[in-house]
Protein backbone atom coordinates (compact mmCIF):
# COMPACT_ATOMS: atom_id res chain seq x y z
CA UNK A 1 -25.91 8.41 6.48
CA UNK A 2 -22.38 9.11 5.32
CA UNK A 3 -19.46 10.46 7.34
CA UNK A 4 -17.53 13.29 5.71
CA UNK A 5 -15.10 15.74 7.15
CA UNK A 6 -14.43 19.33 6.09
CA UNK A 7 -11.10 20.79 7.18
CA UNK A 8 -10.47 24.54 6.93
CA UNK A 9 -7.05 26.18 6.71
CA UNK A 10 -5.60 29.70 6.77
CA UNK A 11 -3.90 29.86 3.37
CA UNK A 12 -1.97 26.56 3.36
CA UNK A 13 -4.80 24.30 2.16
CA UNK A 14 -3.09 23.27 -1.08
CA UNK A 15 0.04 22.10 0.76
CA UNK A 16 -2.03 20.26 3.39
CA UNK A 17 -4.32 18.42 0.98
CA UNK A 18 -1.39 17.37 -1.23
CA UNK A 19 0.36 16.05 1.88
CA UNK A 20 -2.71 14.04 2.96
CA UNK A 21 -3.23 12.68 -0.56
CA UNK A 22 0.38 11.40 -0.50
CA UNK A 23 0.13 9.89 2.99
CA UNK A 24 -3.11 8.07 2.20
CA UNK A 25 -2.09 7.09 -1.35
CA UNK A 26 -4.93 9.05 -2.93
CA UNK A 27 -5.19 12.19 -5.03
CA UNK A 28 -6.58 15.69 -4.74
CA UNK A 29 -9.88 15.99 -6.61
CA UNK A 30 -12.14 18.84 -7.78
CA UNK A 31 -9.91 21.78 -6.87
CA UNK A 32 -11.82 25.06 -7.03
CA UNK A 33 -10.23 28.41 -6.20
CA UNK A 34 -12.26 31.38 -4.97
CA UNK A 35 -11.61 33.03 -8.33
CA UNK A 36 -13.37 30.08 -10.04
CA UNK A 37 -16.67 30.78 -8.28
CA UNK A 38 -19.36 32.90 -9.95
CA UNK A 39 -19.09 36.57 -8.94
CA UNK A 40 -21.58 37.74 -6.33
CA UNK A 41 -21.94 41.55 -6.34
CA UNK A 42 -23.52 41.46 -2.87
CA UNK A 43 -20.39 39.75 -1.48
CA UNK A 44 -17.37 40.84 -3.53
CA UNK A 45 -14.30 38.62 -3.27
CA UNK A 46 -11.21 40.02 -1.58
CA UNK A 47 -8.49 39.96 -4.30
CA UNK A 48 -6.15 38.40 -1.71
CA UNK A 49 -8.39 35.32 -1.73
CA UNK A 50 -8.43 34.73 -5.51
CA UNK A 51 -5.86 31.89 -5.51
CA UNK A 52 -6.94 30.33 -2.22
CA UNK A 53 -8.73 26.97 -2.30
CA UNK A 54 -12.50 27.30 -1.98
CA UNK A 55 -13.15 23.56 -2.27
CA UNK A 56 -11.25 20.35 -2.95
CA UNK A 57 -11.45 16.83 -1.65
CA UNK A 58 -9.35 13.73 -1.09
CA UNK A 59 -10.74 10.22 -0.72
CA UNK A 60 -9.25 8.52 2.33
CA UNK A 61 -10.43 4.94 2.22
CA UNK A 62 -14.09 5.29 1.35
CA UNK A 63 -14.51 8.68 3.04
CA UNK A 64 -14.63 12.02 1.30
CA UNK A 65 -12.47 14.55 3.14
CA UNK A 66 -13.13 18.12 1.98
CA UNK A 67 -10.69 21.01 2.26
CA UNK A 68 -10.78 24.79 1.95
CA UNK A 69 -8.89 27.94 2.85
CA UNK A 70 -10.93 30.36 4.90
CA UNK A 71 -11.43 33.74 3.25
CA UNK A 72 -9.28 36.57 4.59
CA UNK A 73 -12.17 37.90 6.68
CA UNK A 74 -12.40 34.67 8.76
CA UNK A 75 -9.73 32.66 10.61
CA UNK A 76 -9.82 28.90 11.00
CA UNK A 77 -8.90 27.50 14.40
CA UNK A 78 -6.95 24.48 13.19
CA UNK A 79 -6.19 21.34 15.15
CA UNK A 80 -8.51 21.15 18.11
CA UNK A 81 -12.01 21.22 16.63
CA UNK A 82 -11.98 17.58 15.40
CA UNK A 83 -9.87 14.45 15.53
CA UNK A 84 -10.04 12.35 12.39
CA UNK A 85 -9.60 8.65 13.10
CA UNK A 86 -8.06 6.22 10.63
CA UNK A 87 -8.70 2.49 11.02
CA UNK A 88 -5.89 0.70 9.18
CA UNK A 89 -5.84 -2.94 8.09
CA UNK A 90 -2.47 -3.80 9.68
CA UNK A 91 0.07 -2.68 12.25
CA UNK A 92 2.48 -1.94 9.39
CA UNK A 93 -0.04 0.45 7.86
CA UNK A 94 -0.63 2.11 11.26
CA UNK A 95 3.12 2.65 11.58
CA UNK A 96 3.52 3.99 8.03
CA UNK A 97 0.67 6.49 8.33
CA UNK A 98 1.66 7.52 11.86
CA UNK A 99 5.30 8.09 10.92
CA UNK A 100 4.43 10.09 7.80
CA UNK A 101 1.97 12.27 9.72
CA UNK A 102 4.56 12.74 12.50
CA UNK A 103 7.14 14.28 10.12
CA UNK A 104 7.33 17.91 11.20
CA UNK A 105 4.63 17.25 13.79
CA UNK A 106 4.48 15.82 17.30
CA UNK A 107 3.76 12.35 18.70
CA UNK A 108 1.25 12.31 21.56
CA UNK A 109 1.27 8.50 21.84
CA UNK A 110 3.55 6.25 19.81
CA UNK A 111 1.68 3.32 18.22
CA UNK A 112 1.16 0.55 20.77
CA UNK A 113 -1.27 -2.10 21.93
CA UNK A 114 -4.05 -0.57 23.99
CA UNK A 115 -7.30 -1.92 25.40
CA UNK A 116 -9.36 -1.03 22.32
CA UNK A 117 -6.79 -1.68 19.58
CA UNK A 118 -3.90 -3.98 18.72
CA UNK A 119 -2.01 -0.90 17.53
CA UNK A 120 -3.04 2.70 18.33
CA UNK A 121 -1.19 5.99 17.97
CA UNK A 122 -2.13 9.64 18.55
CA UNK A 123 -0.22 12.30 16.58
CA UNK A 124 -0.35 15.99 15.66
CA UNK A 125 0.81 16.66 12.09
CA UNK A 126 2.79 19.66 10.85
CA UNK A 127 -0.46 21.52 10.10
CA UNK A 128 -1.70 21.23 13.70
CA UNK A 129 -4.26 18.50 12.94
CA UNK A 130 -4.50 15.80 15.63
CA UNK A 131 -5.09 12.24 14.35
CA UNK A 132 -5.96 8.86 15.88
CA UNK A 133 -4.40 6.01 13.88
CA UNK A 134 -5.40 2.47 14.81
CA UNK A 135 -5.68 -1.08 13.58
CA UNK A 136 -9.21 -2.52 13.27
């Protein structure tokens, strides 16, 4: 079994995945726009969706995190349908990731020692995604 996460956005997927790739010192891989997909006459593409991201992924540690923009006909409810959790190797790394995610976002719990972690923080980033960041 392998854990993967798929995060959907409402038109700002490219900005979000580039931000996450920077924070986690990775890169955006396999970017596919809706216009890159084979045409399906039974489900024609809305021209407004042509440049939206249909699929891309970023490796965060050893996990594949997948991203997409929802087509115009569907809205993503961003931020409260999952909470990705990052287990960092050190308190310094917890602080770095937490502080970068917090830029333009909101801190729910500043990194601190807690009963299950030497250093744990809870933050909502500028895209409305809520993250747990902790040290092993």
